Protein backbone atom coordinates (compact mmCIF):
# COMPACT_ATOMS: atom_id res chain seq x y z
CA UNK A 1 -36.55 -8.34 45.77
CA UNK A 2 -33.91 -10.79 44.51
CA UNK A 3 -30.15 -10.22 44.81
CA UNK A 4 -29.65 -8.95 41.23
CA UNK A 5 -32.44 -6.38 41.52
CA UNK A 6 -31.08 -5.26 44.88
CA UNK A 7 -27.66 -4.53 43.33
CA UNK A 8 -29.23 -2.58 40.47
CA UNK A 9 -31.34 -0.57 42.92
CA UNK A 10 -28.23 0.33 44.93
CA UNK A 11 -26.43 1.44 41.79
CA UNK A 12 -29.44 3.57 40.79
CA UNK A 13 -29.51 5.25 44.20
CA UNK A 14 -25.77 6.00 43.98
CA UNK A 15 -26.29 7.73 40.62
CA UNK A 16 -29.14 9.82 42.04
CA UNK A 17 -27.12 10.79 45.10
CA UNK A 18 -23.96 11.60 43.09
CA UNK A 19 -21.86 9.19 45.18
CA UNK A 20 -20.16 7.73 42.10
CA UNK A 21 -18.06 10.83 41.58
CA UNK A 22 -18.72 10.76 37.84
CA UNK A 23 -19.70 14.40 37.49
CA UNK A 24 -17.70 14.77 34.25
CA UNK A 25 -20.10 12.52 32.40
CA UNK A 26 -23.33 14.48 31.70
CA UNK A 27 -25.24 11.23 31.23
CA UNK A 28 -24.62 10.41 34.90
CA UNK A 29 -26.17 13.72 35.93
CA UNK A 30 -29.48 13.33 34.13
CA UNK A 31 -31.41 12.82 37.37
CA UNK A 32 -29.66 15.52 39.37
CA UNK A 33 -30.87 19.06 39.89
CA UNK A 34 -27.33 20.52 40.00
CA UNK A 35 -26.07 22.44 36.97
CA UNK A 36 -23.48 20.44 35.08
CA UNK A 37 -20.12 22.25 34.69
CA UNK A 38 -17.96 21.09 31.81
CA UNK A 39 -14.28 22.06 31.79
CA UNK A 40 -13.69 23.04 28.14
CA UNK A 41 -10.13 24.15 28.84
CA UNK A 42 -9.11 20.98 30.64
CA UNK A 43 -10.36 18.38 28.18
CA UNK A 44 -8.52 16.80 25.21
CA UNK A 45 -5.29 16.56 27.16
CA UNK A 46 -4.39 13.45 25.17
CA UNK A 47 -3.88 15.60 22.05
CA UNK A 48 -0.80 17.09 23.69
CA UNK A 49 0.68 13.85 24.99
CA UNK A 50 3.73 12.53 23.16
CA UNK A 51 2.54 8.94 23.32
CA UNK A 52 -0.46 9.89 21.18
CA UNK A 53 1.27 12.37 18.84
CA UNK A 54 4.45 10.38 18.16
CA UNK A 55 3.28 6.81 18.57
CA UNK A 56 2.50 6.39 14.88
CA UNK A 57 5.99 7.37 13.69
CA UNK A 58 8.02 4.45 12.37
CA UNK A 59 11.39 5.78 11.23
CA UNK A 60 12.36 2.54 9.50
CA UNK A 61 9.23 2.72 7.35
CA UNK A 62 10.09 6.29 6.33
CA UNK A 63 13.64 5.24 5.41
CA UNK A 64 12.16 2.45 3.27
CA UNK A 65 10.05 5.09 1.50
CA UNK A 66 13.20 7.16 0.86
CA UNK A 67 14.93 4.21 -0.79
CA UNK A 68 11.81 3.27 -2.75
CA UNK A 69 11.49 6.80 -4.14
CA UNK A 70 15.07 6.77 -5.46
CA UNK A 71 14.50 3.30 -6.94
CA UNK A 72 11.36 4.59 -8.66
CA UNK A 73 13.12 7.58 -10.25
CA UNK A 74 16.35 5.82 -11.29
CA UNK A 75 15.09 2.33 -11.99
CA UNK A 76 11.82 3.00 -13.76
CA UNK A 77 11.54 6.67 -14.64
CA UNK A 78 15.12 6.98 -15.90
CA UNK A 79 14.80 3.40 -17.15
CA UNK A 80 17.89 1.67 -15.75
CA UNK A 81 15.98 -1.60 -15.35
CA UNK A 82 14.78 -1.74 -18.93
CA UNK A 83 18.10 -0.52 -20.36
CA UNK A 84 19.88 -3.36 -18.56
CA UNK A 85 17.37 -5.76 -20.15
CA UNK A 86 18.30 -4.34 -23.57
CA UNK A 87 22.00 -4.92 -22.87
CA UNK A 88 21.10 -8.48 -21.92
CA UNK A 89 19.35 -8.85 -25.27
CA UNK A 90 22.29 -7.35 -27.17
CA UNK A 91 24.71 -9.81 -25.55
CA UNK A 92 22.35 -12.71 -26.23
CA UNK A 93 22.11 -11.97 -29.97
CA UNK A 94 25.82 -11.22 -30.27
CA UNK A 95 25.51 -7.50 -30.86
CA UNK A 96 27.70 -6.82 -27.82
CA UNK A 97 30.79 -8.79 -26.92
CA UNK A 98 31.78 -9.23 -23.29
CA UNK A 99 35.46 -9.76 -22.63
CA UNK A 100 35.95 -9.75 -18.86
CA UNK A 101 34.87 -12.71 -16.79
CA UNK A 102 33.41 -10.47 -14.05
CA UNK A 103 31.06 -8.70 -16.49
CA UNK A 104 30.11 -12.00 -18.11
CA UNK A 105 29.34 -13.48 -14.70
CA UNK A 106 27.27 -10.42 -13.74
CA UNK A 107 25.25 -10.61 -16.96
CA UNK A 108 24.73 -14.37 -16.56
CA UNK A 109 23.51 -14.01 -12.97
CA UNK A 110 21.30 -11.08 -13.98
CA UNK A 111 19.71 -13.22 -16.71
CA UNK A 112 19.16 -16.24 -14.45
CA UNK A 113 17.49 -14.14 -11.74
CA UNK A 114 15.36 -11.93 -13.97
CA UNK A 115 12.17 -13.96 -13.45
CA UNK A 116 12.69 -14.15 -9.69
CA UNK A 117 12.81 -10.40 -9.11
CA UNK A 118 9.92 -7.96 -8.88
CA UNK A 119 8.33 -7.16 -12.23
CA UNK A 120 7.54 -3.71 -13.57
CA UNK A 121 3.87 -4.10 -12.59
CA UNK A 122 4.75 -5.19 -9.06
CA UNK A 123 7.04 -2.19 -8.56
CA UNK A 124 4.36 0.11 -9.90
CA UNK A 125 1.95 -1.34 -7.36
CA UNK A 126 4.32 -0.41 -4.52
CA UNK A 127 4.86 3.11 -5.91
CA UNK A 128 1.10 3.50 -5.97
CA UNK A 129 0.75 2.20 -2.42
CA UNK A 130 3.40 4.46 -0.87
CA UNK A 131 3.27 7.60 -3.06
CA UNK A 132 0.04 7.21 -5.08
CA UNK A 133 2.12 7.64 -8.23
CA UNK A 134 1.34 5.96 -11.53
CA UNK A 135 -1.68 4.22 -13.01
CA UNK A 136 -0.98 0.74 -11.70
CA UNK A 137 -3.83 -1.37 -10.41
CA UNK A 138 -3.64 -2.18 -6.71
CA UNK A 139 -4.42 -5.41 -4.93
CA UNK A 140 -7.84 -5.82 -3.38
CA UNK A 141 -8.16 -3.92 -0.10
CA UNK A 142 -4.77 -2.20 -0.59
CA UNK A 143 -5.04 1.48 0.30
CA UNK A 144 -3.06 3.94 -1.82
CA UNK A 145 -1.42 6.91 -0.15
CA UNK A 146 -3.61 9.62 -1.65
CA UNK A 147 -2.44 12.26 0.84
CA UNK A 148 1.26 12.07 0.01
CA UNK A 149 1.28 14.36 -3.04
CA UNK A 150 -0.56 17.18 -1.30
CA UNK A 151 1.70 16.95 1.77
CA UNK A 152 4.86 16.82 -0.37
CA UNK A 153 3.71 19.78 -2.47
CA UNK A 154 2.89 21.72 0.68
CA UNK A 155 6.41 21.09 1.98
CA UNK A 156 7.87 22.42 -1.27
CA UNK A 157 5.71 25.56 -1.12
CA UNK A 158 6.47 26.24 2.52
CA UNK A 159 10.22 25.91 1.99
CA UNK A 160 10.09 28.32 -0.95
CA UNK A 161 8.10 30.80 1.11
CA UNK A 162 10.58 30.44 3.97
CA UNK A 163 13.52 31.11 1.62
CA UNK A 164 11.88 34.25 0.23
CA UNK A 165 10.94 35.57 3.64
CA UNK A 166 14.43 34.73 4.94
CA UNK A 167 16.08 36.66 2.11
CA UNK A 168 13.83 39.71 2.54
CA UNK A 169 13.79 39.88 6.33
CA UNK A 170 15.82 42.43 8.29
CA UNK A 171 16.23 39.79 11.00
CA UNK A 172 16.25 36.44 9.16
CA UNK A 173 16.66 34.46 12.39
CA UNK A 174 13.15 35.56 13.37
CA UNK A 175 11.46 34.06 10.31
CA UNK A 176 9.02 31.42 11.53
CA UNK A 177 9.66 27.75 10.75
CA UNK A 178 6.43 26.51 12.29
CA UNK A 179 4.73 25.63 9.00
CA UNK A 180 7.72 23.56 7.83
CA UNK A 181 7.87 21.83 11.21
CA UNK A 182 4.17 20.91 11.01
CA UNK A 183 4.37 19.54 7.45
CA UNK A 184 7.37 17.39 8.40
CA UNK A 185 5.41 15.92 11.31
CA UNK A 186 2.46 15.23 9.00
CA UNK A 187 4.76 13.51 6.48
CA UNK A 188 6.31 11.45 9.26
CA UNK A 189 2.90 10.07 10.18
CA UNK A 190 1.86 9.67 6.55
CA UNK A 191 4.90 7.69 5.39
CA UNK A 192 5.04 5.65 8.61
CA UNK A 193 1.67 4.20 7.67
CA UNK A 194 2.02 4.05 3.89
CA UNK A 195 5.41 2.28 3.80
CA UNK A 196 4.40 -0.49 6.17
CA UNK A 197 3.82 -4.13 5.40
CA UNK A 198 5.18 -6.11 2.45
CA UNK A 199 6.80 -3.14 0.71
CA UNK A 200 9.58 -3.05 3.33
CA UNK A 201 10.48 -6.65 2.49
CA UNK A 202 10.73 -5.95 -1.23
CA UNK A 203 12.72 -2.68 -1.09
CA UNK A 204 16.09 -4.42 -0.42
CA UNK A 205 15.42 -6.80 -3.31
CA UNK A 206 14.52 -3.94 -5.66
CA UNK A 207 17.64 -2.04 -4.65
CA UNK A 208 19.89 -5.08 -5.27
CA UNK A 209 18.23 -5.48 -8.68
CA UNK A 210 19.03 -1.81 -9.42
CA UNK A 211 22.62 -2.17 -8.17
CA UNK A 212 23.20 -5.22 -10.38
CA UNK A 213 21.75 -3.44 -13.40
CA UNK A 214 24.03 -0.44 -12.81
CA UNK A 215 27.08 -2.73 -12.51
CA UNK A 216 26.32 -4.13 -15.97
CA UNK A 217 25.79 -0.73 -17.58
CA UNK A 218 28.92 0.65 -15.92
CA UNK A 219 31.18 -2.17 -17.16
CA UNK A 220 34.05 -0.80 -19.30
CA UNK A 221 33.31 -2.98 -22.35
CA UNK A 222 29.63 -1.99 -22.30
CA UNK A 223 30.47 1.73 -22.05
CA UNK A 224 33.04 1.43 -24.86
CA UNK A 225 30.63 -0.29 -27.25
CA UNK A 226 27.38 1.53 -26.42
CA UNK A 227 28.30 4.89 -24.89
CA UNK A 228 28.77 8.07 -26.91
CA UNK A 229 31.09 11.04 -26.61
CA UNK A 230 34.58 11.32 -25.20
CA UNK A 231 33.72 10.77 -21.53
CA UNK A 232 31.64 7.63 -21.82
CA UNK A 233 29.87 6.74 -18.60
CA UNK A 234 26.89 4.91 -17.18
CA UNK A 235 24.54 7.79 -17.85
CA UNK A 236 25.21 8.19 -21.56
CA UNK A 237 24.86 4.40 -21.92
CA UNK A 238 21.33 4.86 -20.53
CA UNK A 239 20.74 7.79 -22.90
CA UNK A 240 22.14 6.01 -25.98
CA UNK A 241 20.13 2.82 -25.55
CA UNK A 242 16.96 4.72 -24.61
CA UNK A 243 17.21 6.86 -27.73
CA UNK A 244 17.81 3.87 -30.00
CA UNK A 245 15.34 1.44 -28.44
CA UNK A 246 12.59 3.70 -27.06
CA UNK A 247 12.73 6.78 -29.30
CA UNK A 248 13.72 9.27 -26.60
CA UNK A 249 16.29 9.62 -23.89
CA UNK A 250 15.85 10.74 -20.30
CA UNK A 251 17.33 13.82 -18.64
CA UNK A 252 19.67 11.72 -16.53
CA UNK A 253 21.25 14.71 -14.78
CA UNK A 254 17.93 16.11 -13.56
CA UNK A 255 16.63 12.68 -12.58
CA UNK A 256 19.77 11.99 -10.54
CA UNK A 257 19.26 15.32 -8.76
CA UNK A 258 15.62 14.49 -8.03
CA UNK A 259 16.36 10.95 -6.80
CA UNK A 260 19.30 11.97 -4.63
CA UNK A 261 17.65 14.96 -2.98
CA UNK A 262 14.22 13.37 -2.50
CA UNK A 263 15.97 10.51 -0.75
CA UNK A 264 17.89 12.90 1.50
CA UNK A 265 14.74 14.86 2.31
CA UNK A 266 12.88 11.72 3.37
CA UNK A 267 15.83 10.48 5.41
CA UNK A 268 15.85 13.85 7.20
CA UNK A 269 12.11 13.52 7.77
CA UNK A 270 12.68 10.08 9.27
CA UNK A 271 15.26 11.43 11.72
CA UNK A 272 13.52 14.75 12.38
CA UNK A 273 12.94 15.92 15.92
CA UNK A 274 12.32 19.55 16.79
CA UNK A 275 14.65 19.27 19.76
CA UNK A 276 17.60 17.74 17.89
CA UNK A 277 17.26 19.30 14.42
CA UNK A 278 19.98 21.97 14.78
CA UNK A 279 20.65 24.97 12.53
CA UNK A 280 23.09 23.13 10.24
CA UNK A 281 20.66 20.24 9.81
CA UNK A 282 17.83 22.63 9.00
CA UNK A 283 19.86 24.56 6.43
CA UNK A 284 20.96 21.31 4.75
CA UNK A 285 17.32 20.27 4.64
CA UNK A 286 16.36 23.55 2.98
CA UNK A 287 19.16 23.17 0.39
CA UNK A 288 18.06 19.63 -0.42
CA UNK A 289 14.48 20.76 -0.99
CA UNK A 290 15.63 23.62 -3.20
CA UNK A 291 17.87 21.29 -5.25
CA UNK A 292 14.96 18.84 -5.63
CA UNK A 293 12.73 21.62 -6.94
CA UNK A 294 15.38 22.77 -9.44
CA UNK A 295 15.81 19.22 -10.73
CA UNK A 296 12.06 18.70 -10.89
CA UNK A 297 11.53 21.87 -12.90
CA UNK A 298 13.77 20.47 -15.67
CA UNK A 299 11.63 17.40 -16.22
CA UNK A 300 8.80 17.36 -18.71
CA UNK A 301 5.38 17.45 -17.01
CA UNK A 302 7.01 17.74 -13.61
CA UNK A 303 8.46 14.22 -13.67
CA UNK A 304 7.16 11.49 -11.40
CA UNK A 305 5.22 13.64 -8.96
CA UNK A 306 2.14 15.66 -9.80
CA UNK A 307 2.87 19.26 -10.72
CA UNK A 308 6.49 20.19 -10.45
CA UNK A 309 6.70 23.90 -11.22
CA UNK A 310 6.87 24.78 -7.56
CA UNK A 311 8.59 28.12 -8.08
CA UNK A 312 5.85 29.46 -10.36
CA UNK A 313 3.07 28.18 -8.11
CA UNK A 314 4.74 29.57 -5.00
CA UNK A 315 5.11 32.94 -6.72
CA UNK A 316 1.36 33.01 -7.26
CA UNK A 317 0.82 31.88 -3.67
CA UNK A 318 3.03 34.70 -2.39
CA UNK A 319 1.27 37.17 -4.65
CA UNK A 320 -2.11 36.14 -3.26
CA UNK A 321 -0.80 36.68 0.28
CA UNK A 322 0.32 40.18 -0.63
CA UNK A 323 -3.03 40.94 -2.21
CA UNK A 324 -4.75 39.76 0.96
CA UNK A 325 -2.59 42.07 3.08
CA UNK A 326 -3.25 45.01 0.74
CA UNK A 327 -6.98 44.35 0.89
CA UNK A 328 -6.84 44.36 4.70
CA UNK A 329 -5.00 47.69 4.70
CA UNK A 330 -7.53 49.18 2.28
CA UNK A 331 -10.37 48.03 4.55
CA UNK A 332 -8.66 49.67 7.52
CA UNK A 333 -8.34 52.93 5.60
CA UNK A 334 -12.02 52.91 4.77
CA UNK A 335 -13.04 52.18 8.37
CA UNK A 336 -10.90 54.82 10.00
CA UNK A 337 -12.29 58.36 9.77
CA UNK A 338 -9.65 60.94 10.55
């Protein structure tokens, strides 16, 4: 018997004699007569270890998603980007006159950089990647975040249910927050993955683009010539140009509410930890979600996210729960024979 075969034979004998100590692996016990005992309670310990449960959370990625969402709502859904382009056109053809040197410089720089910044289609691609919103085509092998909408909607529903239970409870402090806690953890993992890669590099550029566009629309001479009403501001400049150029004007108030509160919600999700999220932080989180839902309900077709009428849907959800409880009580009555 050569050396290699001798080593294999020794290993085989160790398996048969159980000297390897590998009794947890049933495959190693095939040739033994002993009954294999598997510890069902003791396995899967890694599911409870923090390094497995929290390792996928990237708080910077989630913060990038928060900024991207606000950019999406203000820049493209409200239309600040395209309204600024219209102002640029008006100045170019002489329809608007710019008096101050700072506004003229801002408009000039905006014009010179317009081809260097992300285009509408490129921004739509990132919205699709991170939130699965819009109809934009994605790059080859780019995965869209198809789970975001369902997780976000679930968070809205669970917060509404919490509010209703909190208001009805004799002891509100005992109302469970477990479902909200779990959805937040799921969103942490979801956005940590979805907002990774190139999108993080483009978010600062997109925000600077938005900031420059707002500076142009908020310039006094632009507001005086384009705005309407007594209190002329940035928002009615957006409304006036949108109505004239695009045939409709956005609900700027509701969109600002949606953008602001969605951003705050995601920033809270980024920072969330069950141990450090105190009562004040939790109540602020609940108020932000409620404000987001109110703003969303004012937008036609629910705005940028699927659905939007969370209150009505949650009412049906609550009603179904009550029906389920009533059915259980009726079954109990039928089973008990007094």
